[in-house]
Amino acid sequence: VDKTPKTWGGRIALIGHGWFMMIMLASYTANLASFLTTKSLTPSITNFLDVAQSAGSYKMAVPTGLSHEDFLRGEHEHHGYVFNYDTTSTWEESLALVKDDATVSASFMDEPNVLYYM
C-alpha cells in the first residue's frame, strides 16, 4: 500500500513532521551526551578537608609570605596533614596556575578575592 501523501497539504505536513522528529532526536542525543559526561566534570574538591585528607595528592598554589602558607605548615604540624603546594609571589599567579596549569588543583583565599580575580 502506497502511503505517499498526494496533496500539497499532506506533503507539507509530512515534511514538518520529519523536521520535528529530527529536532527531537538531536535534542535527545545532545541531552543524553550531556548527562553522561557531566559526572566527569564535577569538581573533586568541594572543601578544605578534601585537600587536607588527600595526603598530598592534590597540588595547591599559595602566595609566599602570607598567613596561608603558615596555616598549611601548622595543619601539618598539629594534625599531620600532608600538603603538596607551590608558592607564588601574588594571588594572581596562584589563580592563574589553578586556571591554566593542569597540575595545580586548588588555591584557597577569601571569597571576595576569588570573585574579584575569577
PDB file of N, CA and C in Angstrom:
ATOM      1  N   VAL A   1       0.852  -1.168   0.000  1.00  0.00           N
ATOM      2  CA  VAL A   1       0.000   0.000   0.000  1.00  0.00           C
ATOM      3  C   VAL A   1       0.891   1.221   0.000  1.00  0.00           C
ATOM      4  N   ASP A   2       0.646   2.159  -0.869  1.00  0.00           N
ATOM      5  CA  ASP A   2       1.428   3.379  -1.007  1.00  0.00           C
ATOM      6  C   ASP A   2       0.907   4.419  -0.022  1.00  0.00           C
ATOM      7  N   LYS A   3       1.791   4.901   0.881  1.00  0.00           N
ATOM      8  CA  LYS A   3       1.406   5.885   1.905  1.00  0.00           C
ATOM      9  C   LYS A   3       1.911   7.287   1.568  1.00  0.00           C
ATOM     10  N   THR A   4       2.389   7.523   0.383  1.00  0.00           N
ATOM     11  CA  THR A   4       2.893   8.824  -0.013  1.00  0.00           C
ATOM     12  C   THR A   4       1.743   9.826  -0.060  1.00  0.00           C
ATOM     13  N   PRO A   5       1.920  10.980   0.560  1.00  0.00           N
ATOM     14  CA  PRO A   5       0.848  11.973   0.514  1.00  0.00           C
ATOM     15  C   PRO A   5       0.612  12.464  -0.916  1.00  0.00           C
ATOM     16  N   LYS A   6      -0.633  12.631  -1.254  1.00  0.00           N
ATOM     17  CA  LYS A   6      -0.989  13.028  -2.617  1.00  0.00           C
ATOM     18  C   LYS A   6      -1.229  14.525  -2.740  1.00  0.00           C
ATOM     19  N   THR A   7      -1.585  15.201  -1.657  1.00  0.00           N
ATOM     20  CA  THR A   7      -1.878  16.626  -1.723  1.00  0.00           C
ATOM     21  C   THR A   7      -0.700  17.439  -1.195  1.00  0.00           C
ATOM     22  N   TRP A   8      -0.676  18.738  -1.567  1.00  0.00           N
ATOM     23  CA  TRP A   8       0.387  19.615  -1.073  1.00  0.00           C
ATOM     24  C   TRP A   8       0.305  19.771   0.437  1.00  0.00           C
ATOM     25  N   GLY A   9      -0.863  19.861   0.986  1.00  0.00           N
ATOM     26  CA  GLY A   9      -1.028  19.971   2.438  1.00  0.00           C
ATOM     27  C   GLY A   9      -0.477  18.751   3.154  1.00  0.00           C
ATOM     28  N   GLY A  10      -0.709  17.557   2.597  1.00  0.00           N
ATOM     29  CA  GLY A  10      -0.187  16.332   3.188  1.00  0.00           C
ATOM     30  C   GLY A  10       1.334  16.269   3.114  1.00  0.00           C
ATOM     31  N   ARG A  11       1.883  16.734   1.986  1.00  0.00           N
ATOM     32  CA  ARG A  11       3.342  16.739   1.823  1.00  0.00           C
ATOM     33  C   ARG A  11       4.005  17.715   2.798  1.00  0.00           C
ATOM     34  N   ILE A  12       3.407  18.899   2.933  1.00  0.00           N
ATOM     35  CA  ILE A  12       3.952  19.889   3.874  1.00  0.00           C
ATOM     36  C   ILE A  12       3.861  19.374   5.303  1.00  0.00           C
ATOM     37  N   ALA A  13       2.754  18.718   5.647  1.00  0.00           N
ATOM     38  CA  ALA A  13       2.606  18.147   6.993  1.00  0.00           C
ATOM     39  C   ALA A  13       3.659  17.059   7.230  1.00  0.00           C
ATOM     40  N   LEU A  14       3.931  16.233   6.219  1.00  0.00           N
ATOM     41  CA  LEU A  14       4.938  15.176   6.358  1.00  0.00           C
ATOM     42  C   LEU A  14       6.342  15.768   6.520  1.00  0.00           C
ATOM     43  N   ILE A  15       6.660  16.809   5.750  1.00  0.00           N
ATOM     44  CA  ILE A  15       7.966  17.462   5.883  1.00  0.00           C
ATOM     45  C   ILE A  15       8.094  18.101   7.268  1.00  0.00           C
ATOM     46  N   GLY A  16       7.045  18.772   7.731  1.00  0.00           N
ATOM     47  CA  GLY A  16       7.060  19.364   9.066  1.00  0.00           C
ATOM     48  C   GLY A  16       7.241  18.320  10.154  1.00  0.00           C
ATOM     49  N   HIS A  17       6.538  17.202  10.010  1.00  0.00           N
ATOM     50  CA  HIS A  17       6.668  16.114  10.993  1.00  0.00           C
ATOM     51  C   HIS A  17       8.095  15.547  10.964  1.00  0.00           C
ATOM     52  N   GLY A  18       8.684  15.428   9.782  1.00  0.00           N
ATOM     53  CA  GLY A  18      10.057  14.914   9.666  1.00  0.00           C
ATOM     54  C   GLY A  18      11.057  15.829  10.346  1.00  0.00           C
ATOM     55  N   TRP A  19      10.920  17.151  10.112  1.00  0.00           N
ATOM     56  CA  TRP A  19      11.811  18.108  10.764  1.00  0.00           C
ATOM     57  C   TRP A  19      11.628  18.079  12.276  1.00  0.00           C
ATOM     58  N   PHE A  20      10.396  18.018  12.729  1.00  0.00           N
ATOM     59  CA  PHE A  20      10.130  17.958  14.172  1.00  0.00           C
ATOM     60  C   PHE A  20      10.791  16.733  14.794  1.00  0.00           C
ATOM     61  N   MET A  21      10.649  15.575  14.152  1.00  0.00           N
ATOM     62  CA  MET A  21      11.249  14.352  14.687  1.00  0.00           C
ATOM     63  C   MET A  21      12.776  14.432  14.668  1.00  0.00           C
ATOM     64  N   MET A  22      13.351  15.056  13.639  1.00  0.00           N
ATOM     65  CA  MET A  22      14.804  15.192  13.588  1.00  0.00           C
ATOM     66  C   MET A  22      15.302  16.101  14.724  1.00  0.00           C
ATOM     67  N   ILE A  23      14.603  17.202  14.977  1.00  0.00           N
ATOM     68  CA  ILE A  23      14.988  18.110  16.065  1.00  0.00           C
ATOM     69  C   ILE A  23      14.840  17.404  17.413  1.00  0.00           C
ATOM     70  N   MET A  24      13.784  16.659  17.595  1.00  0.00           N
ATOM     71  CA  MET A  24      13.573  15.930  18.854  1.00  0.00           C
ATOM     72  C   MET A  24      14.681  14.887  19.067  1.00  0.00           C
ATOM     73  N   LEU A  25      15.031  14.157  18.019  1.00  0.00           N
ATOM     74  CA  LEU A  25      16.082  13.150  18.138  1.00  0.00           C
ATOM     75  C   LEU A  25      17.436  13.799  18.430  1.00  0.00           C
ATOM     76  N   ALA A  26      17.744  14.919  17.781  1.00  0.00           N
ATOM     77  CA  ALA A  26      19.005  15.620  18.036  1.00  0.00           C
ATOM     78  C   ALA A  26      19.039  16.164  19.462  1.00  0.00           C
ATOM     79  N   SER A  27      17.917  16.693  19.934  1.00  0.00           N
ATOM     80  CA  SER A  27      17.854  17.205  21.313  1.00  0.00           C
ATOM     81  C   SER A  27      18.043  16.083  22.318  1.00  0.00           C
ATOM     82  N   TYR A  28      17.413  14.949  22.080  1.00  0.00           N
ATOM     83  CA  TYR A  28      17.560  13.808  22.981  1.00  0.00           C
ATOM     84  C   TYR A  28      19.009  13.331  23.010  1.00  0.00           C
ATOM     85  N   THR A  29      19.635  13.248  21.857  1.00  0.00           N
ATOM     86  CA  THR A  29      21.027  12.796  21.782  1.00  0.00           C
ATOM     87  C   THR A  29      21.955  13.762  22.513  1.00  0.00           C
ATOM     88  N   ALA A  30      21.746  15.060  22.320  1.00  0.00           N
ATOM     89  CA  ALA A  30      22.586  16.055  22.999  1.00  0.00           C
ATOM     90  C   ALA A  30      22.376  16.007  24.505  1.00  0.00           C
ATOM     91  N   ASN A  31      21.140  15.851  24.939  1.00  0.00           N
ATOM     92  CA  ASN A  31      20.850  15.776  26.374  1.00  0.00           C
ATOM     93  C   ASN A  31      21.464  14.519  26.982  1.00  0.00           C
ATOM     94  N   LEU A  32      21.379  13.403  26.291  1.00  0.00           N
ATOM     95  CA  LEU A  32      21.969  12.161  26.796  1.00  0.00           C
ATOM     96  C   LEU A  32      23.491  12.280  26.889  1.00  0.00           C
ATOM     97  N   ALA A  33      24.121  12.863  25.878  1.00  0.00           N
ATOM     98  CA  ALA A  33      25.572  13.056  25.914  1.00  0.00           C
ATOM     99  C   ALA A  33      25.963  13.979  27.058  1.00  0.00           C
ATOM    100  N   SER A  34      25.196  15.033  27.265  1.00  0.00           N
ATOM    101  CA  SER A  34      25.476  15.958  28.370  1.00  0.00           C
ATOM    102  C   SER A  34      25.334  15.257  29.715  1.00  0.00           C
ATOM    103  N   PHE A  35      24.302  14.485  29.865  1.00  0.00           N
ATOM    104  CA  PHE A  35      24.072  13.770  31.126  1.00  0.00           C
ATOM    105  C   PHE A  35      25.188  12.779  31.421  1.00  0.00           C
ATOM    106  N   LEU A  36      25.661  12.082  30.405  1.00  0.00           N
ATOM    107  CA  LEU A  36      26.690  11.059  30.605  1.00  0.00           C
ATOM    108  C   LEU A  36      28.071  11.655  30.863  1.00  0.00           C
ATOM    109  N   THR A  37      28.313  12.889  30.440  1.00  0.00           N
ATOM    110  CA  THR A  37      29.638  13.477  30.625  1.00  0.00           C
ATOM    111  C   THR A  37      29.720  14.435  31.802  1.00  0.00           C
ATOM    112  N   THR A  38      28.620  14.890  32.374  1.00  0.00           N
ATOM    113  CA  THR A  38      28.702  15.874  33.449  1.00  0.00           C
ATOM    114  C   THR A  38      29.267  15.300  34.734  1.00  0.00           C
ATOM    115  N   LYS A  39      29.138  14.029  34.986  1.00  0.00           N
ATOM    116  CA  LYS A  39      29.708  13.470  36.213  1.00  0.00           C
ATOM    117  C   LYS A  39      31.222  13.574  36.214  1.00  0.00           C
ATOM    118  N   SER A  40      31.838  13.492  35.053  1.00  0.00           N
ATOM    119  CA  SER A  40      33.288  13.623  34.991  1.00  0.00           C
ATOM    120  C   SER A  40      33.731  15.075  35.115  1.00  0.00           C
ATOM    121  N   LEU A  41      32.825  16.017  34.933  1.00  0.00           N
ATOM    122  CA  LEU A  41      33.173  17.427  35.017  1.00  0.00           C
ATOM    123  C   LEU A  41      32.940  18.023  36.396  1.00  0.00           C
ATOM    124  N   THR A  42      32.317  17.279  37.292  1.00  0.00           N
ATOM    125  CA  THR A  42      32.073  17.812  38.625  1.00  0.00           C
ATOM    126  C   THR A  42      33.395  17.920  39.366  1.00  0.00           C
ATOM    127  N   PRO A  43      33.591  18.972  40.140  1.00  0.00           N
ATOM    128  CA  PRO A  43      34.867  19.130  40.837  1.00  0.00           C
ATOM    129  C   PRO A  43      35.048  18.055  41.911  1.00  0.00           C
ATOM    130  N   SER A  44      36.255  17.555  42.007  1.00  0.00           N
ATOM    131  CA  SER A  44      36.529  16.538  43.020  1.00  0.00           C
ATOM    132  C   SER A  44      36.871  17.180  44.367  1.00  0.00           C
ATOM    133  N   ILE A  45      37.145  18.474  44.377  1.00  0.00           N
ATOM    134  CA  ILE A  45      37.435  19.194  45.612  1.00  0.00           C
ATOM    135  C   ILE A  45      36.232  20.063  45.943  1.00  0.00           C
ATOM    136  N   THR A  46      35.612  19.802  47.091  1.00  0.00           N
ATOM    137  CA  THR A  46      34.463  20.610  47.486  1.00  0.00           C
ATOM    138  C   THR A  46      34.743  21.454  48.720  1.00  0.00           C
ATOM    139  N   ASN A  47      35.721  21.065  49.528  1.00  0.00           N
ATOM    140  CA  ASN A  47      36.055  21.853  50.708  1.00  0.00           C
ATOM    141  C   ASN A  47      37.514  21.603  51.091  1.00  0.00           C
ATOM    142  N   PHE A  48      37.948  22.277  52.124  1.00  0.00           N
ATOM    143  CA  PHE A  48      39.355  22.189  52.521  1.00  0.00           C
ATOM    144  C   PHE A  48      39.722  20.790  53.022  1.00  0.00           C
ATOM    145  N   LEU A  49      38.793  20.101  53.657  1.00  0.00           N
ATOM    146  CA  LEU A  49      39.098  18.760  54.163  1.00  0.00           C
ATOM    147  C   LEU A  49      39.399  17.776  53.043  1.00  0.00           C
ATOM    148  N   ASP A  50      38.805  17.963  51.868  1.00  0.00           N
ATOM    149  CA  ASP A  50      39.142  17.092  50.738  1.00  0.00           C
ATOM    150  C   ASP A  50      40.625  17.190  50.413  1.00  0.00           C
ATOM    151  N   VAL A  51      41.158  18.399  50.451  1.00  0.00           N
ATOM    152  CA  VAL A  51      42.582  18.596  50.177  1.00  0.00           C
ATOM    153  C   VAL A  51      43.422  18.098  51.350  1.00  0.00           C
ATOM    154  N   ALA A  52      42.984  18.406  52.569  1.00  0.00           N
ATOM    155  CA  ALA A  52      43.763  18.037  53.754  1.00  0.00           C
ATOM    156  C   ALA A  52      43.858  16.526  53.929  1.00  0.00           C
ATOM    157  N   GLN A  53      42.807  15.811  53.617  1.00  0.00           N
ATOM    158  CA  GLN A  53      42.801  14.364  53.818  1.00  0.00           C
ATOM    159  C   GLN A  53      43.289  13.586  52.600  1.00  0.00           C
ATOM    160  N   SER A  54      43.762  14.285  51.583  1.00  0.00           N
ATOM    161  CA  SER A  54      44.209  13.610  50.364  1.00  0.00           C
ATOM    162  C   SER A  54      45.662  13.145  50.435  1.00  0.00           C
ATOM    163  N   ALA A  55      46.341  13.451  51.520  1.00  0.00           N
ATOM    164  CA  ALA A  55      47.744  13.055  51.719  1.00  0.00           C
ATOM    165  C   ALA A  55      48.647  13.580  50.607  1.00  0.00           C
ATOM    166  N   GLY A  56      48.374  14.793  50.139  1.00  0.00           N
ATOM    167  CA  GLY A  56      49.242  15.423  49.160  1.00  0.00           C
ATOM    168  C   GLY A  56      48.954  15.081  47.721  1.00  0.00           C
ATOM    169  N   SER A  57      47.867  14.387  47.428  1.00  0.00           N
ATOM    170  CA  SER A  57      47.591  14.043  46.035  1.00  0.00           C
ATOM    171  C   SER A  57      47.091  15.235  45.227  1.00  0.00           C
ATOM    172  N   TYR A  58      46.540  16.252  45.897  1.00  0.00           N
ATOM    173  CA  TYR A  58      46.163  17.496  45.219  1.00  0.00           C
ATOM    174  C   TYR A  58      47.295  18.500  45.380  1.00  0.00           C
ATOM    175  N   LYS A  59      47.613  19.188  44.306  1.00  0.00           N
ATOM    176  CA  LYS A  59      48.648  20.214  44.369  1.00  0.00           C
ATOM    177  C   LYS A  59      47.976  21.573  44.484  1.00  0.00           C
ATOM    178  N   MET A  60      48.471  22.394  45.411  1.00  0.00           N
ATOM    179  CA  MET A  60      47.913  23.720  45.654  1.00  0.00           C
ATOM    180  C   MET A  60      48.921  24.788  45.265  1.00  0.00           C
ATOM    181  N   ALA A  61      48.413  26.002  45.072  1.00  0.00           N
ATOM    182  CA  ALA A  61      49.268  27.161  44.820  1.00  0.00           C
ATOM    183  C   ALA A  61      48.864  28.253  45.800  1.00  0.00           C
ATOM    184  N   VAL A  62      49.820  28.745  46.593  1.00  0.00           N
ATOM    185  CA  VAL A  62      49.549  29.820  47.552  1.00  0.00           C
ATOM    186  C   VAL A  62      50.663  30.864  47.454  1.00  0.00           C
ATOM    187  N   PRO A  63      50.322  32.124  47.684  1.00  0.00           N
ATOM    188  CA  PRO A  63      51.364  33.150  47.673  1.00  0.00           C
ATOM    189  C   PRO A  63      52.304  32.986  48.869  1.00  0.00           C
ATOM    190  N   THR A  64      53.559  33.237  48.660  1.00  0.00           N
ATOM    191  CA  THR A  64      54.545  33.106  49.724  1.00  0.00           C
ATOM    192  C   THR A  64      54.491  34.322  50.642  1.00  0.00           C
ATOM    193  N   GLY A  65      54.841  34.100  51.889  1.00  0.00           N
ATOM    194  CA  GLY A  65      54.935  35.187  52.854  1.00  0.00           C
ATOM    195  C   GLY A  65      53.620  35.596  53.474  1.00  0.00           C
ATOM    196  N   LEU A  66      52.532  34.913  53.190  1.00  0.00           N
ATOM    197  CA  LEU A  66      51.243  35.245  53.783  1.00  0.00           C
ATOM    198  C   LEU A  66      50.855  34.192  54.822  1.00  0.00           C
ATOM    199  N   SER A  67      49.803  34.456  55.538  1.00  0.00           N
ATOM    200  CA  SER A  67      49.380  33.545  56.599  1.00  0.00           C
ATOM    201  C   SER A  67      48.900  32.205  56.060  1.00  0.00           C
ATOM    202  N   HIS A  68      48.556  32.127  54.799  1.00  0.00           N
ATOM    203  CA  HIS A  68      48.074  30.877  54.233  1.00  0.00           C
ATOM    204  C   HIS A  68      49.169  29.810  54.232  1.00  0.00           C
ATOM    205  N   GLU A  69      50.369  30.226  53.935  1.00  0.00           N
ATOM    206  CA  GLU A  69      51.492  29.279  53.956  1.00  0.00           C
ATOM    207  C   GLU A  69      51.773  28.821  55.387  1.00  0.00           C
ATOM    208  N   ASP A  70      51.700  29.730  56.347  1.00  0.00           N
ATOM    209  CA  ASP A  70      51.870  29.360  57.753  1.00  0.00           C
ATOM    210  C   ASP A  70      50.757  28.425  58.212  1.00  0.00           C
ATOM    211  N   PHE A  71      49.548  28.662  57.727  1.00  0.00           N
ATOM    212  CA  PHE A  71      48.422  27.805  58.074  1.00  0.00           C
ATOM    213  C   PHE A  71      48.658  26.376  57.596  1.00  0.00           C
ATOM    214  N   LEU A  72      49.160  26.223  56.381  1.00  0.00           N
ATOM    215  CA  LEU A  72      49.432  24.875  55.856  1.00  0.00           C
ATOM    216  C   LEU A  72      50.501  24.172  56.678  1.00  0.00           C
ATOM    217  N   ARG A  73      51.536  24.908  57.079  1.00  0.00           N
ATOM    218  CA  ARG A  73      52.571  24.312  57.932  1.00  0.00           C
ATOM    219  C   ARG A  73      52.000  23.910  59.287  1.00  0.00           C
ATOM    220  N   GLY A  74      51.154  24.781  59.868  1.00  0.00           N
ATOM    221  CA  GLY A  74      50.546  24.478  61.161  1.00  0.00           C
ATOM    222  C   GLY A  74      49.627  23.274  61.094  1.00  0.00           C
ATOM    223  N   GLU A  75      48.875  23.139  60.010  1.00  0.00           N
ATOM    224  CA  GLU A  75      47.997  21.968  59.853  1.00  0.00           C
ATOM    225  C   GLU A  75      48.822  20.689  59.753  1.00  0.00           C
ATOM    226  N   HIS A  76      49.981  20.788  59.116  1.00  0.00           N
ATOM    227  CA  HIS A  76      50.856  19.619  59.035  1.00  0.00           C
ATOM    228  C   HIS A  76      51.417  19.271  60.412  1.00  0.00           C
ATOM    229  N   GLU A  77      51.857  20.275  61.151  1.00  0.00           N
ATOM    230  CA  GLU A  77      52.452  20.026  62.468  1.00  0.00           C
ATOM    231  C   GLU A  77      51.431  19.543  63.489  1.00  0.00           C
ATOM    232  N   HIS A  78      50.233  20.125  63.485  1.00  0.00           N
ATOM    233  CA  HIS A  78      49.246  19.806  64.524  1.00  0.00           C
ATOM    234  C   HIS A  78      48.375  18.604  64.189  1.00  0.00           C
ATOM    235  N   HIS A  79      48.038  18.435  62.919  1.00  0.00           N
ATOM    236  CA  HIS A  79      47.101  17.376  62.549  1.00  0.00           C
ATOM    237  C   HIS A  79      47.711  16.308  61.660  1.00  0.00           C
ATOM    238  N   GLY A  80      48.924  16.527  61.200  1.00  0.00           N
ATOM    239  CA  GLY A  80      49.587  15.540  60.367  1.00  0.00           C
ATOM    240  C   GLY A  80      49.159  15.557  58.911  1.00  0.00           C
ATOM    241  N   TYR A  81      48.412  16.575  58.495  1.00  0.00           N
ATOM    242  CA  TYR A  81      48.011  16.661  57.096  1.00  0.00           C
ATOM    243  C   TYR A  81      49.222  16.959  56.227  1.00  0.00           C
ATOM    244  N   VAL A  82      49.302  16.296  55.093  1.00  0.00           N
ATOM    245  CA  VAL A  82      50.396  16.498  54.152  1.00  0.00           C
ATOM    246  C   VAL A  82      49.865  17.299  52.978  1.00  0.00           C
ATOM    247  N   PHE A  83      50.524  18.414  52.678  1.00  0.00           N
ATOM    248  CA  PHE A  83      50.095  19.269  51.574  1.00  0.00           C
ATOM    249  C   PHE A  83      51.190  19.346  50.533  1.00  0.00           C
ATOM    250  N   ASN A  84      50.793  19.245  49.301  1.00  0.00           N
ATOM    251  CA  ASN A  84      51.680  19.419  48.167  1.00  0.00           C
ATOM    252  C   ASN A  84      51.340  20.784  47.567  1.00  0.00           C
ATOM    253  N   TYR A  85      52.218  21.768  47.743  1.00  0.00           N
ATOM    254  CA  TYR A  85      51.881  23.108  47.257  1.00  0.00           C
ATOM    255  C   TYR A  85      53.101  23.822  46.692  1.00  0.00           C
ATOM    256  N   ASP A  86      52.814  24.702  45.754  1.00  0.00           N
ATOM    257  CA  ASP A  86      53.812  25.599  45.179  1.00  0.00           C
ATOM    258  C   ASP A  86      53.550  26.993  45.720  1.00  0.00           C
ATOM    259  N   THR A  87      54.597  27.777  45.871  1.00  0.00           N
ATOM    260  CA  THR A  87      54.424  29.164  46.300  1.00  0.00           C
ATOM    261  C   THR A  87      54.626  30.088  45.103  1.00  0.00           C
ATOM    262  N   THR A  88      53.841  31.141  45.096  1.00  0.00           N
ATOM    263  CA  THR A  88      53.952  32.163  44.060  1.00  0.00           C
ATOM    264  C   THR A  88      54.122  33.506  44.745  1.00  0.00           C
ATOM    265  N   SER A  89      54.387  34.525  43.970  1.00  0.00           N
ATOM    266  CA  SER A  89      54.597  35.839  44.584  1.00  0.00           C
ATOM    267  C   SER A  89      53.290  36.607  44.771  1.00  0.00           C
ATOM    268  N   THR A  90      52.250  36.297  43.982  1.00  0.00           N
ATOM    269  CA  THR A  90      50.988  37.031  44.097  1.00  0.00           C
ATOM    270  C   THR A  90      49.804  36.073  43.983  1.00  0.00           C
ATOM    271  N   TRP A  91      48.625  36.602  44.382  1.00  0.00           N
ATOM    272  CA  TRP A  91      47.395  35.824  44.228  1.00  0.00           C
ATOM    273  C   TRP A  91      47.069  35.601  42.761  1.00  0.00           C
ATOM    274  N   GLU A  92      47.371  36.574  41.942  1.00  0.00           N
ATOM    275  CA  GLU A  92      47.087  36.440  40.519  1.00  0.00           C
ATOM    276  C   GLU A  92      47.823  35.238  39.938  1.00  0.00           C
ATOM    277  N   GLU A  93      49.080  35.079  40.325  1.00  0.00           N
ATOM    278  CA  GLU A  93      49.856  33.945  39.837  1.00  0.00           C
ATOM    279  C   GLU A  93      49.295  32.627  40.354  1.00  0.00           C
ATOM    280  N   SER A  94      48.863  32.613  41.614  1.00  0.00           N
ATOM    281  CA  SER A  94      48.281  31.387  42.179  1.00  0.00           C
ATOM    282  C   SER A  94      47.031  30.970  41.422  1.00  0.00           C
ATOM    283  N   LEU A  95      46.142  31.921  41.197  1.00  0.00           N
ATOM    284  CA  LEU A  95      44.913  31.586  40.489  1.00  0.00           C
ATOM    285  C   LEU A  95      45.155  31.288  39.018  1.00  0.00           C
ATOM    286  N   ALA A  96      46.160  31.916  38.435  1.00  0.00           N
ATOM    287  CA  ALA A  96      46.498  31.596  37.048  1.00  0.00           C
ATOM    288  C   ALA A  96      46.985  30.154  36.943  1.00  0.00           C
ATOM    289  N   LEU A  97      47.746  29.693  37.937  1.00  0.00           N
ATOM    290  CA  LEU A  97      48.188  28.298  37.937  1.00  0.00           C
ATOM    291  C   LEU A  97      47.008  27.345  38.065  1.00  0.00           C
ATOM    292  N   VAL A  98      46.039  27.715  38.891  1.00  0.00           N
ATOM    293  CA  VAL A  98      44.869  26.848  39.058  1.00  0.00           C
ATOM    294  C   VAL A  98      44.051  26.817  37.770  1.00  0.00           C
ATOM    295  N   LYS A  99      43.892  27.971  37.131  1.00  0.00           N
ATOM    296  CA  LYS A  99      43.079  28.032  35.923  1.00  0.00           C
ATOM    297  C   LYS A  99      43.771  27.430  34.709  1.00  0.00           C
ATOM    298  N   ASP A 100      45.086  27.634  34.580  1.00  0.00           N
ATOM    299  CA  ASP A 100      45.779  27.276  33.347  1.00  0.00           C
ATOM    300  C   ASP A 100      46.607  26.003  33.439  1.00  0.00           C
ATOM    301  N   ASP A 101      47.170  25.720  34.585  1.00  0.00           N
ATOM    302  CA  ASP A 101      48.082  24.590  34.743  1.00  0.00           C
ATOM    303  C   ASP A 101      47.286  23.361  35.182  1.00  0.00           C
ATOM    304  N   ALA A 102      47.416  22.287  34.457  1.00  0.00           N
ATOM    305  CA  ALA A 102      46.654  21.072  34.786  1.00  0.00           C
ATOM    306  C   ALA A 102      47.189  20.358  36.020  1.00  0.00           C
ATOM    307  N   THR A 103      48.389  20.707  36.482  1.00  0.00           N
ATOM    308  CA  THR A 103      48.950  20.012  37.642  1.00  0.00           C
ATOM    309  C   THR A 103      48.540  20.638  38.967  1.00  0.00           C
ATOM    310  N   VAL A 104      48.099  21.895  38.961  1.00  0.00           N
ATOM    311  CA  VAL A 104      47.684  22.571  40.194  1.00  0.00           C
ATOM    312  C   VAL A 104      46.167  22.470  40.310  1.00  0.00           C
ATOM    313  N   SER A 105      45.701  21.903  41.429  1.00  0.00           N
ATOM    314  CA  SER A 105      44.269  21.641  41.598  1.00  0.00           C
ATOM    315  C   SER A 105      43.540  22.734  42.351  1.00  0.00           C
ATOM    316  N   ALA A 106      44.219  23.440  43.267  1.00  0.00           N
ATOM    317  CA  ALA A 106      43.475  24.353  44.133  1.00  0.00           C
ATOM    318  C   ALA A 106      44.371  25.447  44.689  1.00  0.00           C
ATOM    319  N   SER A 107      43.697  26.465  45.181  1.00  0.00           N
ATOM    320  CA  SER A 107      44.293  27.509  45.991  1.00  0.00           C
ATOM    321  C   SER A 107      43.212  27.908  46.971  1.00  0.00           C
ATOM    322  N   PHE A 108      43.559  28.543  48.048  1.00  0.00           N
ATOM    323  CA  PHE A 108      42.490  28.954  48.953  1.00  0.00           C
ATOM    324  C   PHE A 108      42.730  30.372  49.422  1.00  0.00           C
ATOM    325  N   MET A 109      41.634  31.112  49.470  1.00  0.00           N
ATOM    326  CA  MET A 109      41.677  32.508  49.883  1.00  0.00           C
ATOM    327  C   MET A 109      40.265  32.915  50.254  1.00  0.00           C
ATOM    328  N   ASP A 110      40.113  34.158  50.652  1.00  0.00           N
ATOM    329  CA  ASP A 110      38.793  34.672  50.995  1.00  0.00           C
ATOM    330  C   ASP A 110      37.930  34.757  49.742  1.00  0.00           C
ATOM    331  N   GLU A 111      36.639  34.540  49.916  1.00  0.00           N
ATOM    332  CA  GLU A 111      35.717  34.520  48.782  1.00  0.00           C
ATOM    333  C   GLU A 111      35.709  35.821  47.974  1.00  0.00           C
ATOM    334  N   PRO A 112      35.730  37.002  48.587  1.00  0.00           N
ATOM    335  CA  PRO A 112      35.751  38.212  47.759  1.00  0.00           C
ATOM    336  C   PRO A 112      36.963  38.291  46.835  1.00  0.00           C
ATOM    337  N   ASN A 113      38.111  37.824  47.287  1.00  0.00           N
ATOM    338  CA  ASN A 113      39.287  37.810  46.419  1.00  0.00           C
ATOM    339  C   ASN A 113      39.103  36.880  45.229  1.00  0.00           C
ATOM    340  N   VAL A 114      38.530  35.710  45.497  1.00  0.00           N
ATOM    341  CA  VAL A 114      38.303  34.753  44.414  1.00  0.00           C
ATOM    342  C   VAL A 114      37.339  35.341  43.395  1.00  0.00           C
ATOM    343  N   LEU A 115      36.278  35.952  43.875  1.00  0.00           N
ATOM    344  CA  LEU A 115      35.303  36.539  42.943  1.00  0.00           C
ATOM    345  C   LEU A 115      35.917  37.680  42.146  1.00  0.00           C
ATOM    346  N   TYR A 116      36.831  38.423  42.751  1.00  0.00           N
ATOM    347  CA  TYR A 116      37.478  39.516  42.046  1.00  0.00           C
ATOM    348  C   TYR A 116      38.397  38.994  40.936  1.00  0.00           C
ATOM    349  N   TYR A 117      39.212  37.980  41.251  1.00  0.00           N
ATOM    350  CA  TYR A 117      40.200  37.505  40.298  1.00  0.00           C
ATOM    351  C   TYR A 117      39.624  36.548  39.266  1.00  0.00           C
ATOM    352  N   MET A 118      38.540  35.906  39.585  1.00  0.00           N
ATOM    353  CA  MET A 118      37.951  34.953  38.644  1.00  0.00           C
ATOM    354  C   MET A 118      37.035  35.705  37.715  1.00  0.00           C
TER     355      MET A 118
END
